[in-house]
Amino acid sequence: MKLYGVTGWKNAGKTGLMERLVTEITGRGISVSTVKHAHHSFDVDHPGKDSHRHRQAGANEVVLASRNRVAIMQELRDAPEPTLEDLLARMRPVDLVLIEGYKRDRHPKVEAFRAETGNDLIAPGDPTIRAIASDTPMSVDRPVFDLNDTVSIADFILREVGL
């Protein structure tokens, strides 16, 4: 599996870019999966539902399966957060895994950047950032794409990974 990331600070446009990239790349007949890192607690089921009740009762892992999808919920309890490598090892093979977040991991990335957030670029101190997708023109030592130019960003990523 080929890996490529989208990184950036909060509200930089990462999720919108990821969504557009998945649509664009899968539209070209390339299989894509995604991994997203969350810095906050999250839940994928709802109080009162059977799967939630199983977790609340103490189950370490709950598998929810139907004809359309499978969800595997694992309660970490006191276990450490799995690494990106651990998560990738659990995934079914696809042509490309797009990774949102995981700034400190060593896979190649595009940095999403919006000037209005007031954050500095991450790229100058991070050689794993191979390009920037920005809402404002800039002069830096790597390619800069318009944040909304999904086709060009997808072309760049696919060239980078050899797809």
Protein backbone atom coordinates (compact mmCIF):
# COMPACT_ATOMS: atom_id res chain seq x y z
CA MET A 1 0.00 0.00 0.00
CA LYS A 2 1.17 3.47 -0.86
CA LEU A 3 0.85 6.12 1.86
CA TYR A 4 0.41 9.88 1.62
CA GLY A 5 -0.65 12.34 4.26
CA VAL A 6 -2.51 15.59 4.59
CA THR A 7 -1.37 17.57 7.59
CA GLY A 8 -1.73 21.07 8.98
CA TRP A 9 -2.96 22.97 11.99
CA LYS A 10 -6.59 23.03 13.16
CA ASN A 11 -9.00 24.65 10.66
CA ALA A 12 -6.41 24.59 7.87
CA GLY A 13 -8.71 22.69 5.50
CA LYS A 14 -7.36 19.15 5.99
CA THR A 15 -10.68 17.32 6.11
CA GLY A 16 -12.18 19.12 3.12
CA LEU A 17 -9.04 18.43 1.12
CA MET A 18 -9.08 14.77 2.17
CA GLU A 19 -12.72 14.43 1.12
CA ARG A 20 -12.06 16.00 -2.28
CA LEU A 21 -8.92 13.88 -2.80
CA VAL A 22 -10.76 10.64 -2.01
CA THR A 23 -13.50 11.56 -4.49
CA GLU A 24 -10.99 12.58 -7.19
CA ILE A 25 -8.65 9.61 -6.79
CA THR A 26 -11.33 6.93 -6.48
CA GLY A 27 -12.99 8.50 -9.54
CA ARG A 28 -9.83 7.55 -11.44
CA GLY A 29 -10.31 3.89 -10.52
CA ILE A 30 -7.71 3.84 -7.72
CA SER A 31 -8.73 2.20 -4.44
CA VAL A 32 -8.31 4.47 -1.40
CA SER A 33 -8.66 4.04 2.34
CA THR A 34 -8.16 6.72 4.97
CA VAL A 35 -6.80 7.04 8.49
CA LYS A 36 -7.60 10.09 10.58
CA HIS A 37 -5.99 10.96 13.88
CA ALA A 38 -8.21 12.62 16.47
CA HIS A 39 -6.72 14.55 19.39
CA HIS A 40 -9.99 14.33 21.27
CA SER A 41 -12.25 11.58 22.50
CA PHE A 42 -14.80 10.38 19.96
CA ASP A 43 -17.56 7.82 19.73
CA VAL A 44 -18.99 5.94 16.78
CA ASP A 45 -22.04 4.45 18.40
CA HIS A 46 -24.80 5.90 20.53
CA PRO A 47 -26.07 5.43 24.07
CA GLY A 48 -28.83 2.86 24.24
CA LYS A 49 -27.71 0.97 21.12
CA ASP A 50 -26.64 -2.64 21.60
CA SER A 51 -23.00 -2.03 20.67
CA HIS A 52 -22.76 0.86 23.13
CA ARG A 53 -24.30 -1.29 25.83
CA HIS A 54 -21.69 -4.01 25.16
CA ARG A 55 -18.84 -1.48 25.54
CA GLN A 56 -20.37 0.03 28.67
CA ALA A 57 -20.63 -3.45 30.14
CA GLY A 58 -16.85 -3.81 29.80
CA ALA A 59 -16.17 -5.44 26.43
CA ASN A 60 -12.66 -4.66 25.16
CA GLU A 61 -13.71 -5.06 21.54
CA VAL A 62 -17.09 -4.84 19.86
CA VAL A 63 -17.58 -5.82 16.23
CA LEU A 64 -20.69 -4.44 14.60
CA ALA A 65 -21.38 -6.10 11.25
CA SER A 66 -24.03 -5.84 8.58
CA ARG A 67 -24.34 -6.54 4.88
CA ASN A 68 -23.06 -3.00 4.13
CA ARG A 69 -20.22 -2.36 6.59
CA VAL A 70 -18.21 -3.58 9.54
CA ALA A 71 -17.12 -1.43 12.48
CA ILE A 72 -14.60 -2.67 15.01
CA MET A 73 -14.53 -0.64 18.20
CA GLN A 74 -11.68 -1.29 20.58
CA GLU A 75 -11.61 0.22 24.03
CA LEU A 76 -8.04 1.08 24.91
CA ARG A 77 -8.83 1.38 28.61
CA ASP A 78 -5.24 1.49 29.97
CA ALA A 79 -3.50 0.36 26.77
CA PRO A 80 -1.40 2.85 24.82
CA GLU A 81 -2.75 4.49 21.68
CA PRO A 82 -1.86 2.34 18.65
CA THR A 83 0.78 3.73 16.33
CA LEU A 84 0.03 4.55 12.72
CA GLU A 85 2.04 1.47 11.76
CA ASP A 86 -0.16 -0.69 14.02
CA LEU A 87 -3.31 0.70 12.42
CA LEU A 88 -2.04 0.26 8.87
CA ALA A 89 -1.21 -3.39 9.60
CA ARG A 90 -4.89 -4.01 10.40
CA MET A 91 -6.21 -2.52 7.16
CA ARG A 92 -7.20 -4.40 4.04
CA PRO A 93 -4.90 -3.76 1.06
CA VAL A 94 -5.74 -0.83 -1.24
CA ASP A 95 -3.77 1.17 -3.79
CA LEU A 96 -3.43 4.27 -1.58
CA VAL A 97 -3.99 5.14 2.07
CA LEU A 98 -4.54 8.85 2.68
CA ILE A 99 -3.64 9.84 6.23
CA GLU A 100 -5.07 12.92 7.94
CA GLY A 101 -2.99 14.22 10.82
CA TYR A 102 -0.06 12.23 12.18
CA LYS A 103 2.22 15.26 11.75
CA ARG A 104 5.20 13.61 13.40
CA ASP A 105 5.14 10.37 11.41
CA ARG A 106 7.63 10.02 8.55
CA HIS A 107 5.37 9.39 5.53
CA PRO A 108 5.23 12.07 2.77
CA LYS A 109 2.61 14.77 3.22
CA VAL A 110 0.89 17.79 1.74
CA GLU A 111 0.38 20.61 4.24
CA ALA A 112 -3.03 22.29 4.15
CA PHE A 113 -2.68 25.97 4.98
CA ARG A 114 -5.19 28.79 5.47
CA ALA A 115 -3.79 32.24 6.18
CA GLU A 116 -6.80 33.25 8.29
CA THR A 117 -5.86 30.77 11.05
CA GLY A 118 -2.75 32.82 11.86
CA ASN A 119 -0.60 29.70 12.24
CA ASP A 120 2.91 29.38 10.89
CA LEU A 121 3.72 26.85 8.19
CA ILE A 122 4.91 23.49 9.44
CA ALA A 123 6.83 22.78 6.20
CA PRO A 124 10.01 24.79 6.81
CA GLY A 125 11.03 22.47 9.65
CA ASP A 126 9.65 19.24 8.22
CA PRO A 127 11.18 17.54 5.16
CA THR A 128 8.31 15.01 5.02
CA ILE A 129 6.04 17.82 3.80
CA ARG A 130 6.52 17.60 0.04
CA ALA A 131 4.07 20.34 -1.01
CA ILE A 132 1.68 22.94 0.37
CA ALA A 133 -2.00 23.40 -0.48
CA SER A 134 -2.70 27.02 0.42
CA ASP A 135 -5.42 29.63 0.13
CA THR A 136 -2.77 32.31 -0.41
CA PRO A 137 0.24 32.54 -2.75
CA MET A 138 3.63 31.97 -1.13
CA SER A 139 7.28 31.48 -2.01
CA VAL A 140 8.77 28.41 -0.38
CA ASP A 141 11.22 25.67 -1.32
CA ARG A 142 8.56 23.18 -2.45
CA PRO A 143 5.50 23.14 -4.71
CA VAL A 144 2.52 25.27 -3.69
CA PHE A 145 -0.98 24.44 -4.95
CA ASP A 146 -4.22 26.33 -4.57
CA LEU A 147 -6.02 24.65 -1.67
CA ASN A 148 -9.04 24.08 -3.92
CA ASP A 149 -7.13 22.74 -6.94
CA THR A 150 -7.90 19.14 -6.09
CA VAL A 151 -7.00 17.76 -9.52
CA SER A 152 -3.45 19.20 -9.41
CA ILE A 153 -2.92 18.07 -5.82
CA ALA A 154 -4.16 14.56 -6.68
CA ASP A 155 -1.89 14.48 -9.76
CA PHE A 156 1.08 15.46 -7.57
CA ILE A 157 0.35 12.82 -4.92
CA LEU A 158 -0.16 10.07 -7.48
CA ARG A 159 3.10 10.95 -9.22
CA GLU A 160 4.89 10.96 -5.87
CA VAL A 161 3.70 7.44 -5.00
CA GLY A 162 4.00 6.05 -8.51
CA LEU A 163 0.31 5.45 -9.22
